[in-house]
């Protein structure tokens, strides 16, 4: 999986509802997540991240590591949904050496070590990931889809790559209640050493071998969880057993994806509008070109055939067209010329009278043989 995805408010809210989480009464942009209370008046979490909700209700059609996304996780036995930054940061800061506050420096921090993805085959052998799994720092991210690139001449030049948007197949949805892909992940929280942002929550998305349906596009894919019950198991108990279960289920699904080409402009992280996921109008298929050529050839052949037939068909019952010179002549002159032509035609068309040949001098084979023996005698 490449490090690009799309997440809309609609997909996030639909996913939350599927898990029984009410997100209808969201806080305003000025409130922080620590101020967000459930219906019973209890806090969503204690001592959690102070990242504000100001970006919770907006769409991001071209999300990359370093950007935040709505994530679901379990804390103290309760399901929660909040924004965390994509790309694990496992080393925190202090007051003496805080984490960078500059957005560009912060963005690069989330790309370090390519920890925005975690391979399933090494999840329990790499210390960072295995520790998070043992601490039950598992999460589920609901995305509208993700992007992959593949070398193609359709991208506009030799060696260039064409981006594709991979999303959930329409037929695999339950009405319009599941317009998203559920992806398994891990998350962590570290101190920042910054006064206005004491903690930083980050996450990574699990990847595995691509299923047969999309292996043509890339040899790896995110671990998509197609069953809500299985996703809940991952949230509550990210054990090696459950890990193997979601991994096998992800690779076994060969009919859940759909994809289409998108504009190459989305390769820039600044191109974040809805146009990033819209279908790119590619060139017409080669078959369409040859079909058009065949149709034109057929039309030309029909015209040529019609013309040939008209030229070869006797002009019976059709008045001859007068030339410009004939039109200027008096009618009597034209009639006289017609009579002359008819007379000449009748003479030339009369059968020729063949002269009788003398015996023995016929041009036929019998006359030749006769003359031969006459000479011999």
Protein backbone atom coordinates (compact mmCIF):
# COMPACT_ATOMS: atom_id res chain seq x y z
CA UNK A 1 0.00 0.00 0.00
CA UNK A 2 1.26 3.44 -0.90
CA UNK A 3 0.89 6.24 1.61
CA UNK A 4 -2.23 7.91 0.24
CA UNK A 5 -5.90 7.48 1.09
CA UNK A 6 -9.22 9.33 1.17
CA UNK A 7 -11.52 9.82 4.14
CA UNK A 8 -14.81 11.72 4.21
CA UNK A 9 -17.06 12.64 7.08
CA UNK A 10 -19.80 10.49 5.57
CA UNK A 11 -17.64 7.36 5.59
CA UNK A 12 -16.44 8.02 9.14
CA UNK A 13 -19.96 8.58 10.48
CA UNK A 14 -21.35 5.50 8.70
CA UNK A 15 -18.57 3.36 10.14
CA UNK A 16 -19.12 4.75 13.64
CA UNK A 17 -22.82 3.98 13.40
CA UNK A 18 -22.04 0.42 12.30
CA UNK A 19 -20.10 0.00 15.54
CA UNK A 20 -22.91 1.51 17.61
CA UNK A 21 -21.08 4.77 18.24
CA UNK A 22 -23.18 7.94 18.22
CA UNK A 23 -21.38 10.80 16.50
CA UNK A 24 -24.42 12.93 15.73
CA UNK A 25 -23.74 15.49 18.50
CA UNK A 26 -20.18 16.53 17.65
CA UNK A 27 -18.49 19.45 19.39
CA UNK A 28 -17.91 22.74 17.66
CA UNK A 29 -14.61 23.65 16.07
CA UNK A 30 -13.56 25.65 19.12
CA UNK A 31 -13.96 22.74 21.54
CA UNK A 32 -11.29 20.21 22.29
CA UNK A 33 -11.79 16.49 22.53
CA UNK A 34 -11.23 16.61 26.29
CA UNK A 35 -14.40 18.71 26.45
CA UNK A 36 -16.45 16.20 24.45
CA UNK A 37 -18.90 14.35 26.64
CA UNK A 38 -21.05 11.31 25.98
CA UNK A 39 -24.82 11.39 26.40
CA UNK A 40 -24.46 10.29 30.03
CA UNK A 41 -22.18 13.27 30.80
CA UNK A 42 -18.99 11.22 31.18
CA UNK A 43 -15.76 12.25 29.49
CA UNK A 44 -14.65 10.46 26.37
CA UNK A 45 -11.28 9.78 27.99
CA UNK A 46 -9.17 11.10 30.80
CA UNK A 47 -5.76 12.61 30.27
CA UNK A 48 -5.93 11.99 26.54
CA UNK A 49 -4.62 13.94 23.61
CA UNK A 50 -5.45 17.62 23.52
CA UNK A 51 -5.70 17.63 19.73
CA UNK A 52 -8.73 19.77 18.86
CA UNK A 53 -11.75 18.62 16.92
CA UNK A 54 -11.45 21.52 14.50
CA UNK A 55 -10.69 19.14 11.60
CA UNK A 56 -13.06 16.35 12.53
CA UNK A 57 -15.88 17.44 10.23
CA UNK A 58 -14.14 17.91 6.94
CA UNK A 59 -13.29 15.69 4.00
CA UNK A 60 -9.77 14.82 2.91
CA UNK A 61 -9.68 13.23 -0.53
CA UNK A 62 -5.89 12.98 -0.65
CA UNK A 63 -4.59 12.09 2.79
CA UNK A 64 -0.92 11.33 3.36
CA UNK A 65 1.21 10.48 6.41
CA UNK A 66 1.51 13.54 8.63
CA UNK A 67 -2.19 14.32 8.21
CA UNK A 68 -4.82 13.38 10.75
CA UNK A 69 -7.73 10.98 10.28
CA UNK A 70 -10.71 9.76 12.28
CA UNK A 71 -9.75 6.54 14.08
CA UNK A 72 -11.71 4.13 16.30
CA UNK A 73 -10.13 2.39 19.27
CA UNK A 74 -11.01 0.92 22.66
CA UNK A 75 -10.08 2.60 25.91
CA UNK A 76 -11.16 1.38 29.34
CA UNK A 77 -13.61 -0.98 27.69
CA UNK A 78 -15.31 1.77 25.70
CA UNK A 79 -15.26 2.41 21.95
CA UNK A 80 -14.02 5.88 21.01
CA UNK A 81 -13.49 7.82 17.83
CA UNK A 82 -11.13 10.72 17.46
CA UNK A 83 -8.46 12.08 15.15
CA UNK A 84 -4.94 10.71 15.19
CA UNK A 85 -2.04 11.50 12.89
CA UNK A 86 -1.08 8.95 10.26
CA UNK A 87 2.50 7.70 10.71
CA UNK A 88 3.70 6.26 14.02
CA UNK A 89 5.89 8.43 16.22
CA UNK A 90 7.18 6.28 19.07
CA UNK A 91 9.71 8.64 20.62
CA UNK A 92 8.24 11.56 22.51
CA UNK A 93 9.61 14.93 23.46
CA UNK A 94 10.30 16.78 26.71
CA UNK A 95 10.32 20.36 27.92
CA UNK A 96 14.05 20.49 27.31
CA UNK A 97 13.76 18.90 23.84
CA UNK A 98 10.20 19.11 22.56
CA UNK A 99 8.91 17.66 19.34
CA UNK A 100 8.96 20.03 16.37
CA UNK A 101 6.05 22.44 16.23
CA UNK A 102 6.69 23.46 12.63
CA UNK A 103 4.23 21.69 10.30
CA UNK A 104 6.85 20.79 7.68
CA UNK A 105 9.22 19.30 10.25
CA UNK A 106 6.30 17.46 11.84
CA UNK A 107 5.25 16.03 8.45
CA UNK A 108 8.68 14.53 7.86
CA UNK A 109 8.62 12.98 11.30
CA UNK A 110 5.64 10.82 10.34
CA UNK A 111 7.41 9.54 7.23
CA UNK A 112 10.51 8.46 9.16
CA UNK A 113 11.13 4.72 8.98
CA UNK A 114 8.04 4.26 6.78
CA UNK A 115 6.07 3.55 9.94
CA UNK A 116 2.79 4.61 8.41
CA UNK A 117 2.46 0.93 7.39
CA UNK A 118 3.11 -2.22 9.46
CA UNK A 119 3.66 -5.58 7.75
CA UNK A 120 1.56 -8.41 9.16
CA UNK A 121 4.34 -10.97 8.62
CA UNK A 122 6.64 -9.11 11.05
CA UNK A 123 4.03 -7.61 13.36
CA UNK A 124 4.91 -9.83 16.32
CA UNK A 125 8.66 -9.95 15.67
CA UNK A 126 9.41 -6.21 15.49
CA UNK A 127 9.56 -4.75 19.03
CA UNK A 128 7.66 -1.55 18.24
CA UNK A 129 4.63 -3.26 16.74
CA UNK A 130 4.57 -6.28 19.04
CA UNK A 131 4.65 -4.00 22.11
CA UNK A 132 1.66 -2.00 20.85
CA UNK A 133 -0.27 -5.20 20.11
CA UNK A 134 0.45 -6.57 23.59
CA UNK A 135 -0.71 -3.27 25.08
CA UNK A 136 -3.90 -3.60 23.02
CA UNK A 137 -3.23 -0.40 21.14
CA UNK A 138 -5.19 -1.65 18.16
CA UNK A 139 -7.44 0.54 16.03
CA UNK A 140 -9.75 0.55 13.02
CA UNK A 141 -9.65 3.26 10.36
CA UNK A 142 -12.64 3.74 8.04
CA UNK A 143 -11.55 5.10 4.65
CA UNK A 144 -13.40 5.81 1.42
CA UNK A 145 -10.49 4.17 -0.37
CA UNK A 146 -6.78 4.33 -1.02
CA UNK A 147 -4.44 5.06 -3.92
CA UNK A 148 -1.93 2.95 -5.81
CA UNK A 149 0.37 3.84 -8.70
CA UNK A 150 1.35 1.69 -11.65
CA UNK A 151 3.68 2.45 -14.56
CA UNK A 152 1.57 3.13 -17.63
CA UNK A 153 1.79 5.11 -20.90
CA UNK A 154 -1.63 6.52 -19.95
CA UNK A 155 0.11 8.66 -17.32
CA UNK A 156 1.46 10.93 -20.05
CA UNK A 157 4.97 9.71 -20.74
CA UNK A 158 7.45 6.88 -20.67
CA UNK A 159 8.24 5.64 -17.16
CA UNK A 160 5.47 7.69 -15.54
CA UNK A 161 2.96 6.09 -13.19
CA UNK A 162 -0.81 6.24 -13.41
CA UNK A 163 -2.63 6.58 -10.05
CA UNK A 164 -5.66 4.42 -9.29
CA UNK A 165 -8.28 4.83 -6.59
CA UNK A 166 -9.23 1.53 -4.92
CA UNK A 167 -12.53 1.45 -3.04
CA UNK A 168 -15.27 -0.85 -1.89
CA UNK A 169 -17.26 -2.51 -4.65
CA UNK A 170 -20.86 -1.32 -4.87
CA UNK A 171 -22.22 -4.88 -4.81
CA UNK A 172 -20.40 -5.63 -1.56
CA UNK A 173 -22.14 -2.83 0.33
CA UNK A 174 -25.19 -3.21 2.51
CA UNK A 175 -27.38 -0.54 1.00
CA UNK A 176 -25.56 2.73 1.55
CA UNK A 177 -24.56 1.92 5.12
CA UNK A 178 -21.05 0.71 4.27
CA UNK A 179 -19.47 3.12 1.75
CA UNK A 180 -16.05 2.54 3.30
CA UNK A 181 -13.15 0.16 3.80
CA UNK A 182 -12.32 -0.84 7.37
CA UNK A 183 -8.57 -1.12 7.85
CA UNK A 184 -6.81 -2.66 10.83
CA UNK A 185 -4.08 -0.67 12.52
CA UNK A 186 -2.11 0.14 15.67
CA UNK A 187 -1.76 3.43 17.50
CA UNK A 188 0.35 5.05 20.21
CA UNK A 189 0.55 8.20 22.31
CA UNK A 190 3.70 10.10 23.26
CA UNK A 191 4.38 13.37 25.14
CA UNK A 192 5.36 16.30 22.95
CA UNK A 193 6.99 18.64 25.45
CA UNK A 194 4.80 21.42 24.00
CA UNK A 195 2.52 23.48 26.21
CA UNK A 196 -0.38 23.81 23.75
CA UNK A 197 -0.24 20.14 22.69
CA UNK A 198 0.92 17.91 25.57
CA UNK A 199 0.36 14.62 23.73
CA UNK A 200 0.56 13.32 20.17
CA UNK A 201 -1.55 10.37 19.02
CA UNK A 202 -0.36 8.57 15.89
CA UNK A 203 -1.35 5.39 14.07
CA UNK A 204 -0.20 2.94 11.40
CA UNK A 205 -2.15 0.75 8.98
CA UNK A 206 -1.45 -2.98 8.65
CA UNK A 207 -0.51 -4.31 5.22
CA UNK A 208 -0.38 -7.83 3.81
CA UNK A 209 0.07 -9.68 0.51
CA UNK A 210 -2.38 -8.52 -2.12
CA UNK A 211 -5.35 -10.72 -2.93
CA UNK A 212 -5.69 -12.10 -6.45
CA UNK A 213 -8.20 -9.43 -7.44
CA UNK A 214 -5.75 -6.52 -7.15
CA UNK A 215 -2.31 -8.13 -7.25
CA UNK A 216 -1.95 -6.78 -10.80
CA UNK A 217 -1.89 -3.29 -9.31
CA UNK A 218 0.46 -3.83 -6.37
CA UNK A 219 1.94 -6.83 -4.57
CA UNK A 220 0.72 -5.55 -1.18
CA UNK A 221 -2.51 -4.08 0.16
CA UNK A 222 -3.95 -2.80 3.46
CA UNK A 223 -5.53 -5.36 5.78
CA UNK A 224 -9.21 -4.69 5.11
CA UNK A 225 -11.66 -6.17 7.59
CA UNK A 226 -14.90 -7.01 5.80
CA UNK A 227 -16.83 -8.18 8.85
CA UNK A 228 -17.87 -5.87 11.70
CA UNK A 229 -17.68 -8.68 14.27
CA UNK A 230 -14.12 -9.49 13.22
CA UNK A 231 -13.18 -5.81 13.41
CA UNK A 232 -14.50 -5.67 16.98
CA UNK A 233 -12.37 -8.70 17.85
CA UNK A 234 -9.30 -6.86 16.59
CA UNK A 235 -10.21 -3.81 18.67
CA UNK A 236 -10.69 -5.78 21.88
CA UNK A 237 -8.06 -8.49 21.51
CA UNK A 238 -5.25 -7.93 18.96
CA UNK A 239 -3.68 -11.33 19.70
CA UNK A 240 -1.65 -13.42 17.23
CA UNK A 241 -4.72 -15.63 16.72
CA UNK A 242 -7.01 -12.74 15.81
CA UNK A 243 -4.21 -11.21 13.77
CA UNK A 244 -3.95 -14.39 11.67
CA UNK A 245 -7.71 -14.48 11.31
CA UNK A 246 -8.04 -10.98 9.88
CA UNK A 247 -4.96 -11.48 7.70
CA UNK A 248 -6.32 -14.66 6.09
CA UNK A 249 -9.79 -13.15 5.66
CA UNK A 250 -8.33 -10.10 3.92
CA UNK A 251 -6.34 -12.17 1.42
CA UNK A 252 -9.29 -14.52 0.80
CA UNK A 253 -11.64 -11.75 -0.34
CA UNK A 254 -11.34 -11.61 -4.13
CA UNK A 255 -14.50 -9.76 -5.04
CA UNK A 256 -14.78 -6.83 -2.66
CA UNK A 257 -12.74 -4.16 -4.44
CA UNK A 258 -13.35 -1.81 -7.33
CA UNK A 259 -10.97 0.74 -8.83
CA UNK A 260 -10.58 3.40 -11.48
CA UNK A 261 -7.93 5.74 -12.87
CA UNK A 262 -7.67 9.22 -11.38
CA UNK A 263 -5.87 12.37 -12.38
CA UNK A 264 -2.08 12.47 -12.01
CA UNK A 265 -2.48 15.83 -10.29
CA UNK A 266 -3.35 13.99 -7.07
CA UNK A 267 0.29 12.90 -6.84
CA UNK A 268 0.79 16.26 -5.16
CA UNK A 269 -0.38 16.34 -1.53
CA UNK A 270 -1.68 19.84 -2.15
CA UNK A 271 -4.33 18.46 -4.52
CA UNK A 272 -6.87 17.46 -1.86
CA UNK A 273 -10.26 18.21 -3.39
CA UNK A 274 -12.90 15.75 -4.52
CA UNK A 275 -11.38 15.77 -8.00
CA UNK A 276 -8.59 13.56 -6.59
CA UNK A 277 -10.87 10.51 -6.52
CA UNK A 278 -13.04 11.21 -9.57
CA UNK A 279 -12.84 8.92 -12.59
CA UNK A 280 -10.26 9.99 -15.13
CA UNK A 281 -11.46 9.91 -18.71
CA UNK A 282 -8.90 7.78 -20.49
CA UNK A 283 -8.38 7.29 -24.25
CA UNK A 284 -10.90 5.26 -26.21
CA UNK A 285 -10.14 1.51 -26.48
CA UNK A 286 -8.18 0.29 -29.52
CA UNK A 287 -11.19 -1.81 -30.53
CA UNK A 288 -13.28 1.35 -30.84
CA UNK A 289 -10.69 2.85 -33.20
CA UNK A 290 -10.66 -0.20 -35.48
CA UNK A 291 -14.46 -0.45 -35.39
CA UNK A 292 -14.68 3.13 -36.64
CA UNK A 293 -12.12 2.42 -39.36
CA UNK A 294 -14.05 -0.68 -40.44
CA UNK A 295 -17.30 1.30 -40.60
CA UNK A 296 -15.68 3.96 -42.78
CA UNK A 297 -14.17 1.30 -45.05
CA UNK A 298 -17.60 -0.34 -45.39
CA UNK A 299 -19.21 2.98 -46.30
CA UNK A 300 -16.54 3.69 -48.94
CA UNK A 301 -16.94 0.20 -50.41
CA UNK A 302 -20.71 0.67 -50.65
CA UNK A 303 -20.26 3.98 -52.51
CA UNK A 304 -17.77 2.43 -54.96
CA UNK A 305 -20.04 -0.55 -55.63
CA UNK A 306 -23.06 1.67 -56.28
CA UNK A 307 -21.08 3.81 -58.70
CA UNK A 308 -19.77 0.75 -60.55
CA UNK A 309 -23.25 -0.70 -60.92
CA UNK A 310 -24.61 2.55 -62.32
CA UNK A 311 -21.78 2.75 -64.83
CA UNK A 312 -22.27 -0.85 -66.00
CA UNK A 313 -26.11 -0.77 -66.16
CA UNK A 314 -27.60 0.13 -69.64
CA UNK A 315 -29.26 3.51 -69.61
CA UNK A 316 -32.71 2.20 -70.48
CA UNK A 317 -35.70 4.43 -70.12
CA UNK A 318 -33.54 7.36 -69.06
CA UNK A 319 -33.32 10.41 -71.22
CA UNK A 320 -29.75 11.18 -72.25
CA UNK A 321 -28.28 14.29 -70.81
CA UNK A 322 -27.60 16.99 -73.40
CA UNK A 323 -24.22 18.56 -73.59
CA UNK A 324 -23.81 22.32 -73.44
CA UNK A 325 -23.17 22.51 -77.24
CA UNK A 326 -26.30 20.47 -78.01
CA UNK A 327 -28.38 22.72 -75.85
CA UNK A 328 -27.35 25.71 -77.99
CA UNK A 329 -28.26 23.98 -81.30
CA UNK A 330 -31.75 24.26 -82.81
CA UNK A 331 -34.09 21.36 -82.20
CA UNK A 332 -34.12 20.40 -85.91
CA UNK A 333 -30.32 20.13 -85.89
CA UNK A 334 -30.37 17.96 -82.82
CA UNK A 335 -33.06 15.67 -84.32
CA UNK A 336 -31.05 15.37 -87.53
CA UNK A 337 -27.94 14.45 -85.60
CA UNK A 338 -29.92 11.83 -83.70
CA UNK A 339 -31.15 10.29 -86.97
CA UNK A 340 -27.57 10.17 -88.29
CA UNK A 341 -26.36 8.49 -85.11
CA UNK A 342 -29.13 5.91 -85.32
CA UNK A 343 -28.35 5.17 -88.98
CA UNK A 344 -24.69 4.80 -88.27
CA UNK A 345 -25.45 2.61 -85.28
CA UNK A 346 -27.69 0.31 -87.38
CA UNK A 347 -24.98 -0.08 -90.02
CA UNK A 348 -22.21 -0.83 -87.61
CA UNK A 349 -24.36 -3.21 -85.64
CA UNK A 350 -25.44 -5.30 -88.70
CA UNK A 351 -23.91 -8.80 -88.78
CA UNK A 352 -20.92 -9.35 -91.09
CA UNK A 353 -21.25 -11.83 -93.95
CA UNK A 354 -18.48 -14.40 -93.84
CA UNK A 355 -16.94 -15.49 -97.14
CA UNK A 356 -17.03 -19.17 -97.95
CA UNK A 357 -13.61 -20.72 -97.90
CA UNK A 358 -12.44 -23.06 -100.63
CA UNK A 359 -12.17 -26.76 -99.90
CA UNK A 360 -8.80 -27.63 -98.49
CA UNK A 361 -7.96 -24.01 -97.64
CA UNK A 362 -10.13 -23.69 -94.54
CA UNK A 363 -8.39 -22.14 -91.56
CA UNK A 364 -9.69 -25.05 -89.48
CA UNK A 365 -7.56 -27.98 -88.38
CA UNK A 366 -9.21 -30.29 -90.99
CA UNK A 367 -8.17 -28.06 -93.92
CA UNK A 368 -4.60 -27.92 -92.66
CA UNK A 369 -4.32 -31.69 -92.41
CA UNK A 370 -5.76 -32.10 -95.95
CA UNK A 371 -3.29 -29.62 -97.46
CA UNK A 372 -0.44 -31.38 -95.68
CA UNK A 373 -1.22 -34.76 -97.29
CA UNK A 374 -1.81 -33.12 -100.70
CA UNK A 375 1.74 -31.76 -100.56
CA UNK A 376 3.14 -35.17 -99.59
CA UNK A 377 1.54 -36.82 -102.60
